[in-house]
């Protein structure tokens, strides 16, 4: 499943659209960035409410190609600019982390939402 397919499956908006439409291998849900650094894997989506440029820095460090920001959080310009510079997609959904994680899990495993 590609990043654009993830956005479609989640009904999410693509807020930062300058990225390579990479395949997503899984997802990691956390709002604690040190936890993301320790446990997320290359090629996964990051599901979070952390909408600032430090989130982009961590995603870049772990080779996460897409950040899914939940709860319609406002996205700062410096976050979007940093994501553009790193080629990391940023998508935003109205759903909370629990619902988003469940929907993405089903989509990645070929189940209907």
N, C-alpha and C. Protein backbone atom coordinates (compact mmCIF):
# COMPACT_ATOMS: atom_id res chain seq x y z
N UNK A 1 0.85 -1.17 0.00
CA UNK A 1 0.00 0.00 0.00
C UNK A 1 0.90 1.24 0.00
N UNK A 2 0.63 2.17 -0.90
CA UNK A 2 1.44 3.38 -1.00
C UNK A 2 0.92 4.47 -0.04
N UNK A 3 1.70 5.51 0.09
CA UNK A 3 1.30 6.63 0.95
C UNK A 3 -0.02 7.22 0.49
N UNK A 4 -0.18 7.43 -0.79
CA UNK A 4 -1.45 8.00 -1.30
C UNK A 4 -2.62 7.05 -1.04
N UNK A 5 -2.39 5.76 -1.12
CA UNK A 5 -3.44 4.79 -0.80
C UNK A 5 -3.77 4.82 0.69
N UNK A 6 -2.77 5.04 1.53
CA UNK A 6 -2.99 5.18 2.97
C UNK A 6 -3.90 6.38 3.23
N UNK A 7 -3.58 7.51 2.61
CA UNK A 7 -4.40 8.71 2.80
C UNK A 7 -5.84 8.45 2.37
N UNK A 8 -6.01 7.77 1.25
CA UNK A 8 -7.35 7.46 0.76
C UNK A 8 -8.08 6.51 1.72
N UNK A 9 -7.41 5.49 2.18
CA UNK A 9 -8.03 4.52 3.09
C UNK A 9 -8.46 5.17 4.40
N UNK A 10 -7.70 6.17 4.83
CA UNK A 10 -8.02 6.86 6.09
C UNK A 10 -8.97 8.02 5.90
N UNK A 11 -9.25 8.38 4.66
CA UNK A 11 -10.07 9.56 4.41
C UNK A 11 -9.36 10.82 4.89
N UNK A 12 -8.04 10.82 4.76
CA UNK A 12 -7.22 11.91 5.30
C UNK A 12 -6.79 12.86 4.19
N UNK A 13 -6.50 14.09 4.57
CA UNK A 13 -6.00 15.06 3.61
C UNK A 13 -4.47 14.97 3.55
N UNK A 14 -3.93 15.17 2.38
CA UNK A 14 -2.48 15.23 2.22
C UNK A 14 -2.08 16.69 2.40
N UNK A 15 -1.42 16.99 3.50
CA UNK A 15 -1.05 18.36 3.84
C UNK A 15 0.31 18.74 3.27
N UNK A 16 1.19 17.76 3.11
CA UNK A 16 2.51 17.98 2.51
C UNK A 16 2.66 16.91 1.45
N UNK A 17 2.52 17.33 0.19
CA UNK A 17 2.41 16.37 -0.90
C UNK A 17 3.63 16.19 -1.77
N UNK A 18 4.78 16.74 -1.38
CA UNK A 18 5.99 16.56 -2.19
C UNK A 18 6.82 15.44 -1.59
N UNK A 19 6.57 14.22 -2.07
CA UNK A 19 7.23 13.03 -1.55
C UNK A 19 7.19 11.93 -2.59
N UNK A 20 8.05 10.95 -2.43
CA UNK A 20 8.00 9.75 -3.25
C UNK A 20 6.90 8.87 -2.68
N UNK A 21 6.03 8.37 -3.52
CA UNK A 21 4.88 7.59 -3.06
C UNK A 21 5.31 6.17 -2.70
N UNK A 22 6.03 6.06 -1.60
CA UNK A 22 6.64 4.80 -1.16
C UNK A 22 5.60 3.81 -0.64
N UNK A 23 5.99 2.55 -0.63
CA UNK A 23 5.16 1.51 -0.02
C UNK A 23 5.29 1.60 1.50
N UNK A 24 4.17 1.43 2.18
CA UNK A 24 4.13 1.45 3.63
C UNK A 24 4.04 0.01 4.11
N UNK A 25 4.95 -0.36 5.00
CA UNK A 25 5.05 -1.75 5.45
C UNK A 25 4.32 -2.02 6.77
N UNK A 26 3.94 -0.97 7.46
CA UNK A 26 3.27 -1.10 8.75
C UNK A 26 3.07 0.29 9.33
N UNK A 27 2.83 0.34 10.61
CA UNK A 27 2.63 1.64 11.27
C UNK A 27 3.06 1.54 12.72
N UNK A 28 3.38 2.71 13.26
CA UNK A 28 3.70 2.80 14.69
C UNK A 28 2.94 3.99 15.24
N UNK A 29 2.25 3.78 16.34
CA UNK A 29 1.44 4.83 16.95
C UNK A 29 2.06 5.23 18.28
N UNK A 30 2.44 6.50 18.37
CA UNK A 30 3.00 7.01 19.61
C UNK A 30 3.06 8.52 19.55
N UNK A 31 2.95 9.15 20.71
CA UNK A 31 3.12 10.59 20.84
C UNK A 31 4.41 10.93 21.56
N UNK A 32 5.14 9.92 21.96
CA UNK A 32 6.42 10.12 22.64
C UNK A 32 7.53 9.86 21.62
N UNK A 33 8.20 10.93 21.20
CA UNK A 33 9.15 10.81 20.11
C UNK A 33 10.34 9.92 20.43
N UNK A 34 10.76 9.87 21.68
CA UNK A 34 11.85 8.94 22.04
C UNK A 34 11.40 7.49 21.87
N UNK A 35 10.13 7.22 22.11
CA UNK A 35 9.57 5.89 21.89
C UNK A 35 9.58 5.54 20.41
N UNK A 36 9.24 6.52 19.58
CA UNK A 36 9.27 6.31 18.13
C UNK A 36 10.69 5.98 17.69
N UNK A 37 11.68 6.73 18.18
CA UNK A 37 13.07 6.47 17.80
C UNK A 37 13.50 5.06 18.21
N UNK A 38 13.02 4.59 19.33
CA UNK A 38 13.43 3.28 19.84
C UNK A 38 12.70 2.11 19.19
N UNK A 39 11.46 2.32 18.72
CA UNK A 39 10.66 1.17 18.33
C UNK A 39 10.06 1.19 16.93
N UNK A 40 9.97 2.32 16.28
CA UNK A 40 9.41 2.37 14.93
C UNK A 40 10.43 1.81 13.94
N UNK A 41 9.94 1.38 12.80
CA UNK A 41 10.79 0.75 11.79
C UNK A 41 10.74 1.50 10.46
N UNK A 42 11.80 1.36 9.73
CA UNK A 42 11.93 1.89 8.38
C UNK A 42 10.71 1.49 7.55
N UNK A 43 10.11 2.45 6.86
CA UNK A 43 9.00 2.16 5.96
C UNK A 43 7.63 2.16 6.60
N UNK A 44 7.55 2.40 7.90
CA UNK A 44 6.26 2.45 8.57
C UNK A 44 5.69 3.86 8.55
N UNK A 45 4.39 3.96 8.74
CA UNK A 45 3.72 5.24 8.95
C UNK A 45 3.79 5.56 10.44
N UNK A 46 3.95 6.82 10.77
CA UNK A 46 3.89 7.27 12.16
C UNK A 46 2.53 7.91 12.40
N UNK A 47 1.78 7.36 13.35
CA UNK A 47 0.46 7.89 13.72
C UNK A 47 0.63 8.61 15.05
N UNK A 48 0.28 9.92 15.07
CA UNK A 48 0.59 10.74 16.24
C UNK A 48 -0.29 11.99 16.28
N UNK A 49 -0.22 12.70 17.40
CA UNK A 49 -0.81 14.04 17.47
C UNK A 49 0.29 15.10 17.54
N UNK A 50 1.53 14.67 17.50
CA UNK A 50 2.66 15.61 17.56
C UNK A 50 2.83 16.28 16.20
N UNK A 51 2.43 17.54 16.12
CA UNK A 51 2.43 18.26 14.84
C UNK A 51 3.43 19.41 14.89
N UNK A 52 4.72 19.04 14.94
CA UNK A 52 5.77 20.07 14.94
C UNK A 52 7.00 19.51 14.25
N UNK A 53 7.98 20.37 14.01
CA UNK A 53 9.13 19.94 13.19
C UNK A 53 10.00 18.87 13.85
N UNK A 54 9.96 18.74 15.17
CA UNK A 54 10.72 17.67 15.82
C UNK A 54 10.19 16.29 15.41
N UNK A 55 8.90 16.21 15.12
CA UNK A 55 8.32 14.96 14.65
C UNK A 55 8.93 14.58 13.31
N UNK A 56 9.13 15.57 12.46
CA UNK A 56 9.76 15.33 11.15
C UNK A 56 11.20 14.86 11.34
N UNK A 57 11.92 15.47 12.26
CA UNK A 57 13.30 15.07 12.51
C UNK A 57 13.38 13.61 12.94
N UNK A 58 12.49 13.19 13.81
CA UNK A 58 12.47 11.80 14.26
C UNK A 58 12.07 10.88 13.11
N UNK A 59 11.07 11.26 12.34
CA UNK A 59 10.66 10.45 11.19
C UNK A 59 11.82 10.27 10.22
N UNK A 60 12.55 11.32 9.98
CA UNK A 60 13.71 11.25 9.09
C UNK A 60 14.77 10.31 9.64
N UNK A 61 15.02 10.40 10.93
CA UNK A 61 16.02 9.56 11.59
C UNK A 61 15.69 8.08 11.45
N UNK A 62 14.42 7.74 11.55
CA UNK A 62 13.98 6.34 11.53
C UNK A 62 13.59 5.88 10.11
N UNK A 63 13.65 6.78 9.13
CA UNK A 63 13.24 6.49 7.75
C UNK A 63 11.75 6.19 7.64
N UNK A 64 10.97 7.00 8.32
CA UNK A 64 9.51 6.92 8.24
C UNK A 64 9.08 7.85 7.10
N UNK A 65 8.39 7.33 6.08
CA UNK A 65 8.05 8.16 4.93
C UNK A 65 6.77 8.98 5.07
N UNK A 66 5.94 8.70 6.08
CA UNK A 66 4.69 9.44 6.22
C UNK A 66 4.32 9.61 7.70
N UNK A 67 3.92 10.82 8.03
CA UNK A 67 3.42 11.14 9.36
C UNK A 67 1.92 11.36 9.24
N UNK A 68 1.15 10.64 10.03
CA UNK A 68 -0.30 10.78 10.05
C UNK A 68 -0.65 11.54 11.33
N UNK A 69 -1.11 12.77 11.17
CA UNK A 69 -1.46 13.61 12.31
C UNK A 69 -2.96 13.47 12.56
N UNK A 70 -3.30 13.11 13.79
CA UNK A 70 -4.70 12.83 14.14
C UNK A 70 -5.38 14.02 14.81
N UNK A 71 -6.67 13.89 15.02
CA UNK A 71 -7.51 14.86 15.73
C UNK A 71 -7.53 16.24 15.07
N UNK A 72 -7.33 16.27 13.75
CA UNK A 72 -7.35 17.54 13.00
C UNK A 72 -6.43 18.59 13.60
N UNK A 73 -5.33 18.15 14.17
CA UNK A 73 -4.37 19.09 14.78
C UNK A 73 -3.90 20.10 13.75
N UNK A 74 -3.74 21.35 14.19
CA UNK A 74 -3.15 22.35 13.28
C UNK A 74 -1.70 21.98 12.97
N UNK A 75 -1.30 22.22 11.75
CA UNK A 75 0.05 21.89 11.30
C UNK A 75 0.84 23.18 11.12
N UNK A 76 1.98 23.27 11.78
CA UNK A 76 2.78 24.48 11.68
C UNK A 76 3.51 24.53 10.33
N UNK A 77 3.75 25.74 9.88
CA UNK A 77 4.47 25.93 8.62
C UNK A 77 5.87 25.36 8.68
N UNK A 78 6.53 25.49 9.86
CA UNK A 78 7.89 24.96 9.95
C UNK A 78 7.90 23.43 9.90
N UNK A 79 6.83 22.79 10.39
CA UNK A 79 6.73 21.34 10.26
C UNK A 79 6.58 20.95 8.80
N UNK A 80 5.68 21.61 8.10
CA UNK A 80 5.43 21.28 6.70
C UNK A 80 6.66 21.56 5.84
N UNK A 81 7.36 22.63 6.12
CA UNK A 81 8.58 22.97 5.38
C UNK A 81 9.67 21.92 5.64
N UNK A 82 9.83 21.52 6.89
CA UNK A 82 10.82 20.49 7.23
C UNK A 82 10.47 19.17 6.54
N UNK A 83 9.19 18.82 6.53
CA UNK A 83 8.75 17.58 5.87
C UNK A 83 9.01 17.65 4.37
N UNK A 84 8.75 18.79 3.77
CA UNK A 84 9.02 18.97 2.34
C UNK A 84 10.52 18.80 2.07
N UNK A 85 11.35 19.42 2.89
CA UNK A 85 12.80 19.32 2.73
C UNK A 85 13.29 17.87 2.84
N UNK A 86 12.64 17.08 3.69
CA UNK A 86 13.04 15.68 3.91
C UNK A 86 12.31 14.70 2.99
N UNK A 87 11.32 15.20 2.23
CA UNK A 87 10.54 14.31 1.36
C UNK A 87 9.60 13.40 2.12
N UNK A 88 9.16 13.86 3.30
CA UNK A 88 8.26 13.07 4.14
C UNK A 88 6.83 13.59 3.96
N UNK A 89 5.92 12.70 3.66
CA UNK A 89 4.52 13.07 3.52
C UNK A 89 3.92 13.36 4.89
N UNK A 90 3.02 14.34 4.93
CA UNK A 90 2.26 14.63 6.14
C UNK A 90 0.79 14.58 5.74
N UNK A 91 0.06 13.69 6.39
CA UNK A 91 -1.38 13.63 6.15
C UNK A 91 -2.10 13.87 7.47
N UNK A 92 -3.32 14.39 7.37
CA UNK A 92 -4.06 14.73 8.58
C UNK A 92 -5.47 14.16 8.50
N UNK A 93 -5.91 13.63 9.64
CA UNK A 93 -7.23 13.04 9.74
C UNK A 93 -7.98 13.61 10.94
N UNK A 94 -9.29 13.55 10.86
CA UNK A 94 -10.14 13.98 11.99
C UNK A 94 -10.15 12.95 13.11
N UNK A 95 -9.88 11.70 12.74
CA UNK A 95 -9.97 10.58 13.69
C UNK A 95 -8.88 10.66 14.76
N UNK A 96 -9.12 9.98 15.89
CA UNK A 96 -8.09 9.88 16.92
C UNK A 96 -7.11 8.76 16.58
N UNK A 97 -6.10 8.59 17.41
CA UNK A 97 -5.05 7.61 17.12
C UNK A 97 -5.58 6.18 17.13
N UNK A 98 -6.51 5.88 18.02
CA UNK A 98 -7.06 4.53 18.11
C UNK A 98 -7.79 4.15 16.82
N UNK A 99 -8.70 5.01 16.40
CA UNK A 99 -9.47 4.73 15.18
C UNK A 99 -8.55 4.69 13.95
N UNK A 100 -7.61 5.61 13.88
CA UNK A 100 -6.69 5.67 12.75
C UNK A 100 -5.84 4.41 12.70
N UNK A 101 -5.33 3.98 13.83
CA UNK A 101 -4.51 2.76 13.88
C UNK A 101 -5.31 1.55 13.42
N UNK A 102 -6.54 1.45 13.88
CA UNK A 102 -7.39 0.32 13.49
C UNK A 102 -7.69 0.31 12.00
N UNK A 103 -8.02 1.48 11.46
CA UNK A 103 -8.31 1.57 10.02
C UNK A 103 -7.08 1.21 9.19
N UNK A 104 -5.94 1.73 9.60
CA UNK A 104 -4.73 1.45 8.82
C UNK A 104 -4.32 -0.02 8.95
N UNK A 105 -4.49 -0.59 10.12
CA UNK A 105 -4.20 -2.00 10.30
C UNK A 105 -5.04 -2.83 9.33
N UNK A 106 -6.32 -2.56 9.29
CA UNK A 106 -7.21 -3.30 8.39
C UNK A 106 -6.80 -3.10 6.94
N UNK A 107 -6.52 -1.87 6.56
CA UNK A 107 -6.17 -1.58 5.17
C UNK A 107 -4.88 -2.28 4.77
N UNK A 108 -3.90 -2.27 5.64
CA UNK A 108 -2.62 -2.90 5.34
C UNK A 108 -2.73 -4.43 5.25
N UNK A 109 -3.74 -4.97 5.89
CA UNK A 109 -3.94 -6.42 5.90
C UNK A 109 -5.06 -6.86 4.96
N UNK A 110 -5.48 -5.94 4.05
CA UNK A 110 -6.45 -6.30 3.03
C UNK A 110 -7.86 -6.46 3.52
N UNK A 111 -8.17 -5.93 4.69
CA UNK A 111 -9.52 -6.00 5.22
C UNK A 111 -10.25 -4.69 4.91
N UNK A 112 -11.55 -4.74 4.74
CA UNK A 112 -12.30 -3.50 4.54
C UNK A 112 -12.53 -2.81 5.87
N UNK A 113 -12.55 -1.48 5.82
CA UNK A 113 -12.65 -0.68 7.07
C UNK A 113 -14.00 -0.73 7.69
